[in-house]
Amino acid sequence: MTTGRMLQFVDRAQANPDKRAIDQRRVDFDEIYQGYSDDAAAAQSGRCSQCGVPFCQIHCPLHNNIPDWLMLTAEGRLQEAYEVSSATNTFPEVCGRICPQDRLCEGNCVIEQSGHGTVTIGSIEKYITDTAWEKGWVTPITPRQERAESVGIIGAGPGGLAAAEQLRRRGYQVTIYDRYDRVGGLMIYGIPNFKLEKDIVQRRTKWLEESGVRFTLNVEIGRDISFADLRAKHDAVLVATGVYKARDLKAPGVGQKNIIPAMDFLTASNRNGLGDTVAEFEDGTLNAAGKNIVVIGGGDTAMDCVRTAIRQGAKSVKCLYRRDRTNMPGSQREVANAEEEGVKFVWLSQPEAFTGDDAVTGVRAQQMRLGQPDATGRRAPQAIEGAVMTHDADIAILALGFDPEDLPTLWGEADLPVTRWGTVKIDHKTKMTALEGVFAAGDIVRGASLVVWAIRDGRDAAASIHDYIQARAVAPVAAE
C-alpha cells in the first residue's frame, strides 16, 4: 500500500543533484555531483509510481528492492531505507555513484517510459548510504556464531569483497589475497576520483577488516604462494581476479612509444592522487598535461581516460569510436559529462595506423558508416572509401576492453578449466569449477563487465560456497 507521499511524478519535475561548475571540475578530481538535501531526496523519492511490476528492480543485476527504499526515503525513514538497500547490495554507495543507471534501473523506470523523467534512483541510493555512514548506522558484521571453516578469496575487487561480506555474515573465516598494495581492485586503481572518491572504498575496506575479514596484500599466486597450497589451507577457494589483460589493436605503427593501455594511464593517475610517487607520471610518460590526447574506444573505460586527461591539463582530447553515439557501449551520461568538460568525440572513426618515426605523432582513422546488424544485433561499421583523417596525438590511449590472463599458466595449475575465451569455466548452478572446492565469480567468469554484476556474482558464489561446506557436514564451532 502506498502513501500520499508517493506518485508525485505528474506534479513534481525530475531534479538531479546539482553538478559542480564545469570550469571548477575540469581542474580537479573531486566528484562532480553534489549531494541531495534531505528535502530534495524525499521529494525525488516521492516521484516513484510504486508500480506493480517494478522494471527498475527487474533490470538491476542485484534485484535491489528499489520501490520500497524510495518509499521509506520519501517518508523520512532513512535508517530503514538503508537496511533495505544494503540487504541486497554490499556496496550501495558505490553503485549509486558508478552504475550506468541510464542503461539499468533508471533507463527502465516506468515513469521515464511515460515521458515524465525517471526517478533519480542512483543519486538517492548514494544519499541513503552516505547518510547511513554519517549517522553511524553502518556497523561491523557480527556473525551469530563463528565457524571453524575458512575460505580463501583471490582478488580484492568488488566480486571478492562482496563474497567476503556474505561469508562473514555466516561466520566463516575469510582471507582475501591480492597482488596489489591496496584493497579495491578497479575501484581503487581503475575508476577515477571524479566518479568514485577513494575514501569511499577505503571506508568499506576498514569496515570489512573490523568485521573480521583478513587481507594478505602484495601476494602473487604462483609466485609467493602456490595455488595448491592455497587449496590445502582453506576449505574452499574463490577465484575473483577480474580481467586485466588489455586488448591490443593490430595496426601499422602500434609499437611506437606513447601508445599506452588505458589501465596504465588510469592506474598512474589514481596512484598519483593517492600520494604515491609514480615515475612514469612524473616524467610525463603517463601524464597528459600540455599534450594532444587521442583515446580509442567507446566504453566506460574510454570515458574515464578522456575525462582524466582533461583534468591533467591536456592541450586537446579526442575520443575515436567506430560506431555512432547511439551504438556505443558506454554510459550516455558519461559522454554528456565528457562533452561538457571539453572532450571532442569523433564518431564513426576506425583507427587504421599510427604515424611517427619513434614516438607516435598522430592516429590515422578511416571514416565509417553503419551497415546491417552483426551477430550481436548492433549495426556493423563499414569503411567509406577514401575518407581518411589523421588526428594529432602526443599520447594515444587504447581503451579497447580487457581479456583474462592465462591463469592456469600463471598459477601452475593446468587443471583449472578455462573456456576458449580464457575465462574460468564453472558450473553455473553451483559456481564451482571442475576442481573440488574451487569456485569462481565476477569478470573472470563472465568477461569484462560492470561492478554491479561482480557484486551479484560474488554474493551468489558465497551462497554456493556455504552450501558446499554445509554439505560436507562440518559442525560449526560456538563463538568464544
Protein backbone atom coordinates (compact mmCIF):
# COMPACT_ATOMS: atom_id res chain seq x y z
CA MET A 1 0.00 0.00 0.00
CA THR A 2 1.41 3.38 -0.98
CA THR A 3 1.14 6.61 0.95
CA GLY A 4 0.17 10.12 -0.03
CA ARG A 5 3.85 10.99 -0.28
CA MET A 6 4.27 8.85 -3.41
CA LEU A 7 3.03 9.10 -7.01
CA GLN A 8 4.16 12.73 -7.29
CA PHE A 9 5.72 12.34 -10.74
CA VAL A 10 2.98 14.31 -12.53
CA ASP A 11 3.23 17.40 -10.32
CA ARG A 12 6.91 17.23 -9.39
CA ALA A 13 9.63 17.53 -12.02
CA GLN A 14 12.74 15.40 -12.12
CA ALA A 15 15.64 17.15 -10.38
CA ASN A 16 19.08 15.60 -10.41
CA PRO A 17 21.67 16.74 -7.87
CA ASP A 18 23.49 19.85 -8.99
CA LYS A 19 26.76 19.43 -10.84
CA ARG A 20 29.76 21.49 -9.89
CA ALA A 21 30.61 24.25 -12.37
CA ILE A 22 32.44 22.98 -15.45
CA ASP A 23 35.41 25.32 -15.00
CA GLN A 24 35.84 24.00 -11.44
CA ARG A 25 35.51 20.30 -12.12
CA ARG A 26 37.80 20.34 -15.17
CA VAL A 27 40.79 21.15 -12.97
CA ASP A 28 40.36 18.75 -10.04
CA PHE A 29 39.43 15.15 -9.38
CA ASP A 30 36.61 15.74 -6.89
CA GLU A 31 33.23 14.13 -7.56
CA ILE A 32 31.22 16.29 -9.92
CA TYR A 33 27.77 15.77 -8.39
CA GLN A 34 26.73 17.49 -5.20
CA GLY A 35 24.57 15.64 -2.69
CA TYR A 36 20.84 15.93 -2.13
CA SER A 37 19.44 17.77 0.85
CA ASP A 38 17.05 15.73 2.99
CA ASP A 39 14.06 17.54 1.48
CA ALA A 40 15.26 17.12 -2.10
CA ALA A 41 15.92 13.38 -1.63
CA ALA A 42 12.46 12.90 -0.11
CA ALA A 43 10.83 14.91 -2.89
CA GLN A 44 12.54 12.97 -5.68
CA SER A 45 11.81 9.64 -3.99
CA GLY A 46 8.15 10.65 -3.82
CA ARG A 47 8.02 10.74 -7.62
CA CYS A 48 8.12 6.92 -7.68
CA SER A 49 4.92 5.40 -9.07
CA GLN A 50 5.22 2.26 -6.89
CA CYS A 51 4.23 0.22 -9.93
CA GLY A 52 3.07 -3.35 -9.53
CA VAL A 53 5.81 -4.71 -11.79
CA PRO A 54 8.91 -2.68 -10.87
CA PHE A 55 11.04 -2.73 -14.01
CA CYS A 56 13.75 -0.81 -12.16
CA GLN A 57 14.17 -3.78 -9.84
CA ILE A 58 13.94 -6.34 -12.63
CA HIS A 59 16.70 -4.63 -14.61
CA CYS A 60 19.00 -4.25 -11.62
CA PRO A 61 21.54 -7.12 -11.56
CA LEU A 62 21.17 -7.24 -7.76
CA HIS A 63 17.36 -7.00 -7.92
CA ASN A 64 17.51 -4.23 -5.34
CA ASN A 65 14.15 -3.53 -3.73
CA ILE A 66 14.14 -0.03 -5.17
CA PRO A 67 10.44 0.92 -4.77
CA ASP A 68 10.50 0.10 -1.04
CA TRP A 69 13.58 2.12 -0.21
CA LEU A 70 12.28 5.01 -2.29
CA MET A 71 9.05 4.97 -0.29
CA LEU A 72 10.96 4.82 3.00
CA THR A 73 13.12 7.77 1.91
CA ALA A 74 10.05 9.79 0.93
CA GLU A 75 8.68 9.14 4.43
CA GLY A 76 11.96 10.16 6.11
CA ARG A 77 12.62 6.61 7.39
CA LEU A 78 16.23 6.62 6.24
CA GLN A 79 17.65 4.00 8.57
CA GLU A 80 15.07 1.52 7.35
CA ALA A 81 15.78 2.60 3.77
CA TYR A 82 19.46 1.81 4.30
CA GLU A 83 18.66 -1.58 5.82
CA VAL A 84 16.51 -2.48 2.79
CA SER A 85 19.11 -1.17 0.35
CA SER A 86 22.07 -2.94 1.97
CA ALA A 87 20.16 -6.23 2.31
CA THR A 88 20.75 -6.93 -1.40
CA ASN A 89 23.82 -4.79 -2.11
CA THR A 90 27.20 -4.93 -0.41
CA PHE A 91 28.25 -1.50 -1.74
CA PRO A 92 25.16 0.65 -2.40
CA GLU A 93 27.18 3.87 -2.10
CA VAL A 94 29.50 2.62 -4.86
CA CYS A 95 26.69 1.52 -7.19
CA GLY A 96 24.89 4.82 -6.60
CA ARG A 97 27.97 6.57 -7.97
CA ILE A 98 29.23 4.42 -10.81
CA CYS A 99 26.44 2.18 -12.09
CA PRO A 100 25.22 3.13 -15.59
CA GLN A 101 21.72 3.76 -14.25
CA ASP A 102 20.66 5.12 -17.62
CA ARG A 103 21.08 1.59 -19.02
CA LEU A 104 19.76 -0.29 -15.97
CA CYS A 105 17.26 0.83 -13.32
CA GLU A 106 16.59 4.41 -14.40
CA GLY A 107 16.53 3.55 -18.08
CA ASN A 108 13.69 1.10 -17.40
CA CYS A 109 11.72 3.26 -14.94
CA VAL A 110 8.01 3.24 -15.86
CA ILE A 111 7.60 7.00 -15.50
CA GLU A 112 10.67 7.50 -17.72
CA GLN A 113 8.90 5.48 -20.40
CA SER A 114 5.78 7.61 -19.95
CA GLY A 115 7.73 10.81 -20.59
CA HIS A 116 7.86 12.24 -17.06
CA GLY A 117 11.58 11.74 -16.47
CA THR A 118 12.97 8.86 -14.45
CA VAL A 119 13.21 8.75 -10.68
CA THR A 120 16.82 9.64 -9.84
CA ILE A 121 17.46 6.20 -8.33
CA GLY A 122 21.26 6.24 -8.30
CA SER A 123 21.56 9.63 -6.61
CA ILE A 124 19.02 8.63 -3.96
CA GLU A 125 20.86 5.35 -3.34
CA LYS A 126 24.06 7.31 -2.82
CA TYR A 127 22.28 9.75 -0.49
CA ILE A 128 20.79 6.96 1.64
CA THR A 129 24.12 5.21 2.22
CA ASP A 130 26.17 8.37 2.71
CA THR A 131 23.63 9.40 5.35
CA ALA A 132 23.91 5.96 6.98
CA TRP A 133 27.69 6.39 7.32
CA GLU A 134 27.29 9.90 8.73
CA LYS A 135 24.72 8.71 11.29
CA GLY A 136 26.76 5.67 12.36
CA TRP A 137 24.22 3.13 11.13
CA VAL A 138 26.85 1.12 9.23
CA THR A 139 28.31 -1.20 11.86
CA PRO A 140 30.76 -4.13 11.57
CA ILE A 141 29.40 -7.58 10.87
CA THR A 142 28.88 -9.72 13.97
CA PRO A 143 28.07 -13.32 12.99
CA ARG A 144 25.68 -15.17 15.27
CA GLN A 145 28.36 -17.83 15.63
CA GLU A 146 31.87 -18.29 14.34
CA ARG A 147 32.67 -21.28 12.19
CA ALA A 148 35.93 -23.18 12.02
CA GLU A 149 35.94 -23.45 8.22
CA SER A 150 37.92 -20.96 6.21
CA VAL A 151 37.58 -19.59 2.70
CA GLY A 152 40.41 -18.10 0.64
CA ILE A 153 39.45 -15.47 -1.92
CA ILE A 154 41.82 -14.49 -4.73
CA GLY A 155 41.14 -10.88 -5.69
CA ALA A 156 40.18 -7.86 -3.58
CA GLY A 157 37.90 -6.30 -6.16
CA PRO A 158 34.12 -5.88 -5.85
CA GLY A 159 33.33 -9.55 -6.52
CA GLY A 160 35.76 -10.88 -3.92
CA LEU A 161 34.77 -8.26 -1.35
CA ALA A 162 31.05 -8.96 -1.83
CA ALA A 163 31.63 -12.68 -1.34
CA ALA A 164 33.71 -11.99 1.78
CA GLU A 165 30.93 -9.91 3.32
CA GLN A 166 28.35 -12.62 2.77
CA LEU A 167 30.63 -15.36 4.08
CA ARG A 168 31.47 -13.40 7.23
CA ARG A 169 27.77 -12.97 7.95
CA ARG A 170 27.61 -16.77 8.02
CA GLY A 171 30.59 -16.94 10.37
CA TYR A 172 33.29 -18.24 8.04
CA GLN A 173 36.95 -17.29 8.46
CA VAL A 174 37.79 -15.32 5.32
CA THR A 175 41.18 -14.32 3.92
CA ILE A 176 41.47 -12.26 0.73
CA TYR A 177 44.69 -12.43 -1.30
CA ASP A 178 45.58 -9.68 -3.77
CA ARG A 179 48.67 -8.83 -5.78
CA TYR A 180 48.23 -5.09 -5.31
CA ASP A 181 49.10 -3.00 -2.28
CA ARG A 182 45.58 -1.68 -1.67
CA VAL A 183 42.15 -3.24 -1.46
CA GLY A 184 39.53 -2.47 -4.09
CA GLY A 185 40.79 -3.63 -7.48
CA LEU A 186 39.46 -1.43 -10.27
CA MET A 187 37.53 0.65 -7.73
CA ILE A 188 40.88 1.92 -6.43
CA TYR A 189 43.19 1.88 -9.44
CA GLY A 190 40.83 1.93 -12.43
CA ILE A 191 37.93 4.26 -11.68
CA PRO A 192 38.89 7.94 -11.29
CA ASN A 193 38.11 10.01 -8.21
CA PHE A 194 35.63 12.24 -10.01
CA LYS A 195 33.35 9.19 -10.22
CA LEU A 196 34.35 7.36 -7.04
CA GLU A 197 36.49 9.05 -4.42
CA LYS A 198 38.95 6.62 -2.89
CA ASP A 199 37.98 7.25 0.72
CA ILE A 200 34.59 5.68 -0.15
CA VAL A 201 36.34 2.42 -1.00
CA GLN A 202 38.83 2.65 1.86
CA ARG A 203 35.98 3.17 4.30
CA ARG A 204 34.46 -0.13 3.21
CA THR A 205 37.85 -1.83 3.44
CA LYS A 206 38.16 -0.75 7.07
CA TRP A 207 34.60 -1.95 7.72
CA LEU A 208 35.42 -5.39 6.32
CA GLU A 209 38.59 -5.56 8.44
CA GLU A 210 36.57 -4.63 11.54
CA SER A 211 34.12 -7.36 10.51
CA GLY A 212 36.89 -9.97 10.67
CA VAL A 213 37.97 -10.26 7.03
CA ARG A 214 41.73 -10.69 6.71
CA PHE A 215 43.70 -9.19 3.82
CA THR A 216 47.01 -10.52 2.52
CA LEU A 217 48.28 -7.96 0.00
CA ASN A 218 51.26 -7.81 -2.37
CA VAL A 219 50.88 -11.56 -2.88
CA GLU A 220 51.11 -13.16 -6.30
CA ILE A 221 49.53 -16.59 -6.61
CA GLY A 222 52.01 -18.90 -8.29
CA ARG A 223 54.95 -16.82 -7.10
CA ASP A 224 54.55 -16.07 -3.38
CA ILE A 225 52.13 -18.88 -2.63
CA SER A 226 51.16 -21.81 -4.82
CA PHE A 227 47.58 -22.44 -5.83
CA ALA A 228 47.89 -25.95 -4.40
CA ASP A 229 48.99 -24.59 -1.01
CA LEU A 230 46.08 -22.16 -1.03
CA ARG A 231 43.63 -25.02 -1.65
CA ALA A 232 45.21 -27.06 1.14
CA LYS A 233 44.98 -24.13 3.56
CA HIS A 234 41.26 -23.39 3.05
CA ASP A 235 38.04 -25.39 2.94
CA ALA A 236 37.07 -23.56 -0.24
CA VAL A 237 38.73 -21.11 -2.62
CA LEU A 238 37.05 -18.41 -4.69
CA VAL A 239 38.75 -17.07 -7.81
CA ALA A 240 37.67 -13.44 -8.25
CA THR A 241 40.64 -11.91 -10.01
CA GLY A 242 38.79 -9.85 -12.58
CA VAL A 243 40.26 -9.36 -16.06
CA TYR A 244 43.23 -7.06 -16.56
CA LYS A 245 44.88 -8.08 -19.84
CA ALA A 246 44.42 -5.16 -22.24
CA ARG A 247 43.11 -5.93 -25.72
CA ASP A 248 45.52 -4.91 -28.44
CA LEU A 249 45.00 -3.10 -31.70
CA LYS A 250 46.77 -4.54 -34.74
CA ALA A 251 47.71 -1.62 -36.95
CA PRO A 252 50.86 -0.20 -38.55
CA GLY A 253 52.92 1.81 -36.07
CA VAL A 254 51.25 0.37 -32.98
CA GLY A 255 54.61 -0.48 -31.42
CA GLN A 256 55.77 3.13 -31.16
CA LYS A 257 56.34 4.96 -27.89
CA ASN A 258 53.47 6.74 -26.15
CA ILE A 259 50.82 4.29 -27.34
CA ILE A 260 49.62 3.00 -23.99
CA PRO A 261 46.91 0.75 -22.47
CA ALA A 262 44.10 2.53 -20.65
CA MET A 263 44.79 0.83 -17.32
CA ASP A 264 48.39 2.00 -17.28
CA PHE A 265 47.20 5.58 -17.74
CA LEU A 266 44.40 5.35 -15.16
CA THR A 267 46.48 3.49 -12.57
CA ALA A 268 49.25 6.09 -12.75
CA SER A 269 46.72 8.89 -12.28
CA ASN A 270 44.99 7.18 -9.37
CA ARG A 271 48.27 6.31 -7.65
CA ASN A 272 49.39 9.91 -8.01
CA GLY A 273 46.11 11.04 -6.45
CA LEU A 274 46.65 8.62 -3.56
CA GLY A 275 50.02 10.21 -2.84
CA ASP A 276 52.28 7.58 -4.41
CA THR A 277 55.36 8.58 -6.38
CA VAL A 278 54.85 7.32 -9.91
CA ALA A 279 57.98 7.70 -12.00
CA GLU A 280 56.20 7.46 -15.36
CA PHE A 281 53.73 10.12 -14.28
CA GLU A 282 56.48 12.41 -13.00
CA ASP A 283 58.50 12.15 -16.23
CA GLY A 284 55.42 12.82 -18.37
CA THR A 285 55.13 9.39 -19.98
CA LEU A 286 51.69 8.79 -18.39
CA ASN A 287 50.76 12.43 -17.83
CA ALA A 288 48.52 14.24 -20.33
CA ALA A 289 49.49 17.78 -19.29
CA GLY A 290 50.01 20.03 -22.32
CA LYS A 291 49.61 17.19 -24.83
CA ASN A 292 47.27 16.16 -27.61
CA ILE A 293 45.49 13.03 -26.38
CA VAL A 294 43.62 10.54 -28.55
CA VAL A 295 41.63 7.81 -26.78
CA ILE A 296 40.45 4.86 -28.84
CA GLY A 297 37.31 3.11 -27.61
CA GLY A 298 33.69 3.77 -26.68
CA GLY A 299 33.15 2.13 -23.29
CA ASP A 300 33.21 3.49 -19.76
CA THR A 301 36.98 2.97 -19.52
CA ALA A 302 37.44 5.27 -22.51
CA MET A 303 35.22 7.85 -20.79
CA ASP A 304 37.39 7.60 -17.67
CA CYS A 305 40.50 8.20 -19.78
CA VAL A 306 39.26 11.24 -21.68
CA ARG A 307 37.92 12.91 -18.54
CA THR A 308 41.15 12.16 -16.66
CA ALA A 309 43.19 13.69 -19.49
CA ILE A 310 41.10 16.86 -19.32
CA ARG A 311 41.82 17.18 -15.60
CA GLN A 312 45.52 16.64 -16.11
CA GLY A 313 45.59 19.70 -18.35
CA ALA A 314 45.75 18.15 -21.82
CA LYS A 315 46.03 20.52 -24.78
CA SER A 316 43.30 18.61 -26.63
CA VAL A 317 41.36 15.39 -26.01
CA LYS A 318 39.64 13.35 -28.71
CA CYS A 319 37.79 10.05 -28.47
CA LEU A 320 37.63 7.91 -31.60
CA TYR A 321 34.89 5.31 -31.83
CA ARG A 322 33.98 3.19 -34.82
CA ARG A 323 30.22 3.32 -34.30
CA ASP A 324 27.92 6.27 -33.58
CA ARG A 325 26.80 7.68 -30.27
CA THR A 326 23.62 5.59 -30.14
CA ASN A 327 25.54 2.34 -30.58
CA MET A 328 28.37 2.96 -28.14
CA PRO A 329 28.59 0.66 -25.07
CA GLY A 330 29.43 3.36 -22.52
CA SER A 331 27.05 5.39 -20.39
CA GLN A 332 25.36 8.25 -22.26
CA ARG A 333 25.53 10.25 -19.04
CA GLU A 334 29.31 9.91 -19.02
CA VAL A 335 29.50 11.02 -22.67
CA ALA A 336 27.47 14.12 -21.85
CA ASN A 337 29.73 14.92 -18.88
CA ALA A 338 32.82 14.48 -21.07
CA GLU A 339 31.45 16.75 -23.78
CA GLU A 340 30.66 19.44 -21.22
CA GLU A 341 34.25 19.24 -19.98
CA GLY A 342 35.75 19.74 -23.44
CA VAL A 343 36.23 16.27 -24.95
CA LYS A 344 35.69 16.03 -28.70
CA PHE A 345 34.07 12.80 -29.89
CA VAL A 346 34.86 11.62 -33.40
CA TRP A 347 32.11 9.12 -34.16
CA LEU A 348 32.24 6.52 -36.92
CA SER A 349 36.03 6.63 -36.89
CA GLN A 350 38.16 3.46 -37.08
CA PRO A 351 41.92 3.84 -36.37
CA GLU A 352 43.95 2.18 -39.12
CA ALA A 353 47.53 3.33 -38.40
CA PHE A 354 49.74 5.35 -36.08
CA THR A 355 52.07 7.94 -37.57
CA GLY A 356 55.52 8.85 -36.27
CA ASP A 357 59.11 7.64 -36.54
CA ASP A 358 59.80 6.51 -32.97
CA ALA A 359 57.07 8.09 -30.84
CA VAL A 360 53.50 8.50 -32.00
CA THR A 361 52.59 11.82 -33.63
CA GLY A 362 49.14 11.01 -34.95
CA VAL A 363 46.33 8.48 -35.36
CA ARG A 364 45.14 7.91 -38.92
CA ALA A 365 41.48 6.94 -38.89
CA GLN A 366 39.09 5.61 -41.51
CA GLN A 367 35.62 7.16 -41.61
CA MET A 368 32.87 4.56 -41.28
CA ARG A 369 29.17 4.18 -41.86
CA LEU A 370 26.80 1.74 -40.19
CA GLY A 371 25.57 -1.19 -42.24
CA GLN A 372 23.38 -4.14 -41.36
CA PRO A 373 23.32 -5.58 -37.80
CA ASP A 374 26.10 -8.03 -36.97
CA ALA A 375 25.89 -11.20 -34.88
CA THR A 376 25.46 -9.14 -31.70
CA GLY A 377 22.50 -7.25 -33.14
CA ARG A 378 24.44 -4.00 -33.46
CA ARG A 379 24.88 -2.38 -36.86
CA ALA A 380 28.28 -3.29 -38.26
CA PRO A 381 30.63 -0.43 -39.21
CA GLN A 382 31.74 -0.33 -42.85
CA ALA A 383 34.52 1.77 -44.35
CA ILE A 384 33.78 4.78 -46.57
CA GLU A 385 36.35 4.52 -49.35
CA GLY A 386 38.78 7.43 -49.48
CA ALA A 387 37.54 9.07 -46.27
CA VAL A 388 40.60 9.19 -44.01
CA MET A 389 41.72 11.73 -41.39
CA THR A 390 44.83 11.97 -39.21
CA HIS A 391 44.44 13.26 -35.64
CA ASP A 392 47.41 14.79 -33.84
CA ALA A 393 48.47 12.68 -30.87
CA ASP A 394 51.31 13.01 -28.38
CA ILE A 395 49.77 10.11 -26.45
CA ALA A 396 47.36 7.52 -27.86
CA ILE A 397 45.43 5.54 -25.26
CA LEU A 398 43.96 2.15 -26.13
CA ALA A 399 40.68 1.57 -24.28
CA LEU A 400 39.50 -1.47 -26.22
CA GLY A 401 38.45 -3.68 -23.34
CA PHE A 402 40.07 -6.42 -21.28
CA ASP A 403 40.67 -10.15 -21.59
CA PRO A 404 41.52 -12.71 -18.89
CA GLU A 405 45.10 -13.50 -18.05
CA ASP A 406 46.27 -17.09 -18.57
CA LEU A 407 45.59 -18.23 -15.00
CA PRO A 408 46.43 -21.95 -15.48
CA THR A 409 49.92 -20.96 -16.63
CA LEU A 410 50.42 -18.10 -14.15
CA TRP A 411 49.36 -20.30 -11.24
CA GLY A 412 50.95 -23.52 -12.43
CA GLU A 413 47.54 -25.19 -12.27
CA ALA A 414 46.95 -26.88 -15.62
CA ASP A 415 43.73 -28.49 -14.33
CA LEU A 416 41.99 -25.15 -13.74
CA PRO A 417 39.39 -25.25 -16.54
CA VAL A 418 39.01 -22.26 -18.84
CA THR A 419 36.80 -21.50 -21.82
CA ARG A 420 38.05 -20.74 -25.31
CA TRP A 421 37.99 -17.05 -24.30
CA GLY A 422 40.25 -17.71 -21.31
CA THR A 423 37.57 -17.13 -18.69
CA VAL A 424 37.32 -19.64 -15.85
CA LYS A 425 34.77 -22.35 -16.60
CA ILE A 426 32.23 -23.08 -13.85
CA ASP A 427 29.02 -24.98 -13.28
CA HIS A 428 26.65 -22.01 -13.29
CA LYS A 429 24.31 -23.72 -10.84
CA THR A 430 26.96 -24.28 -8.19
CA LYS A 431 29.56 -21.64 -9.24
CA MET A 432 32.20 -24.36 -8.76
CA THR A 433 34.91 -25.25 -11.26
CA ALA A 434 35.87 -28.82 -12.10
CA LEU A 435 38.38 -28.59 -9.22
CA GLU A 436 36.81 -29.71 -5.95
CA GLY A 437 36.14 -26.77 -3.66
CA VAL A 438 37.35 -24.14 -6.15
CA PHE A 439 34.74 -21.56 -7.15
CA ALA A 440 34.91 -18.53 -9.44
CA ALA A 441 32.90 -15.33 -9.82
CA GLY A 442 32.85 -11.93 -11.49
CA ASP A 443 34.65 -10.80 -14.62
CA ILE A 444 36.98 -13.80 -14.62
CA VAL A 445 33.86 -15.88 -15.38
CA ARG A 446 31.63 -13.54 -17.41
CA GLY A 447 34.31 -11.37 -19.07
CA ALA A 448 34.80 -7.64 -18.56
CA SER A 449 31.58 -6.26 -17.15
CA LEU A 450 30.11 -3.89 -14.55
CA VAL A 451 30.93 -3.56 -10.85
CA VAL A 452 27.29 -4.30 -10.02
CA TRP A 453 27.50 -7.66 -11.84
CA ALA A 454 30.68 -8.53 -9.95
CA ILE A 455 28.86 -7.81 -6.67
CA ARG A 456 25.96 -10.02 -7.74
CA ASP A 457 28.29 -12.85 -8.77
CA GLY A 458 30.31 -12.60 -5.55
CA ARG A 459 27.19 -12.82 -3.40
CA ASP A 460 25.88 -15.77 -5.41
CA ALA A 461 29.23 -17.55 -5.13
CA ALA A 462 29.25 -17.04 -1.35
CA ALA A 463 25.85 -18.74 -1.11
CA SER A 464 27.15 -21.67 -3.18
CA ILE A 465 30.30 -21.96 -1.05
CA HIS A 466 28.13 -22.06 2.05
CA ASP A 467 26.01 -24.84 0.55
CA TYR A 468 29.14 -26.77 -0.42
CA ILE A 469 30.67 -26.56 3.05
CA GLN A 470 27.36 -27.35 4.73
CA ALA A 471 27.05 -30.45 2.59
CA ARG A 472 30.38 -31.65 3.93
CA ALA A 473 28.68 -31.73 7.35
CA VAL A 474 31.32 -29.89 9.36
CA ALA A 475 29.71 -28.73 12.59
CA PRO A 476 30.03 -25.01 13.44
CA VAL A 477 32.17 -24.01 16.40
CA ALA A 478 30.49 -21.92 19.11
CA ALA A 479 31.78 -18.36 19.50
CA GLU A 480 34.04 -17.77 22.48
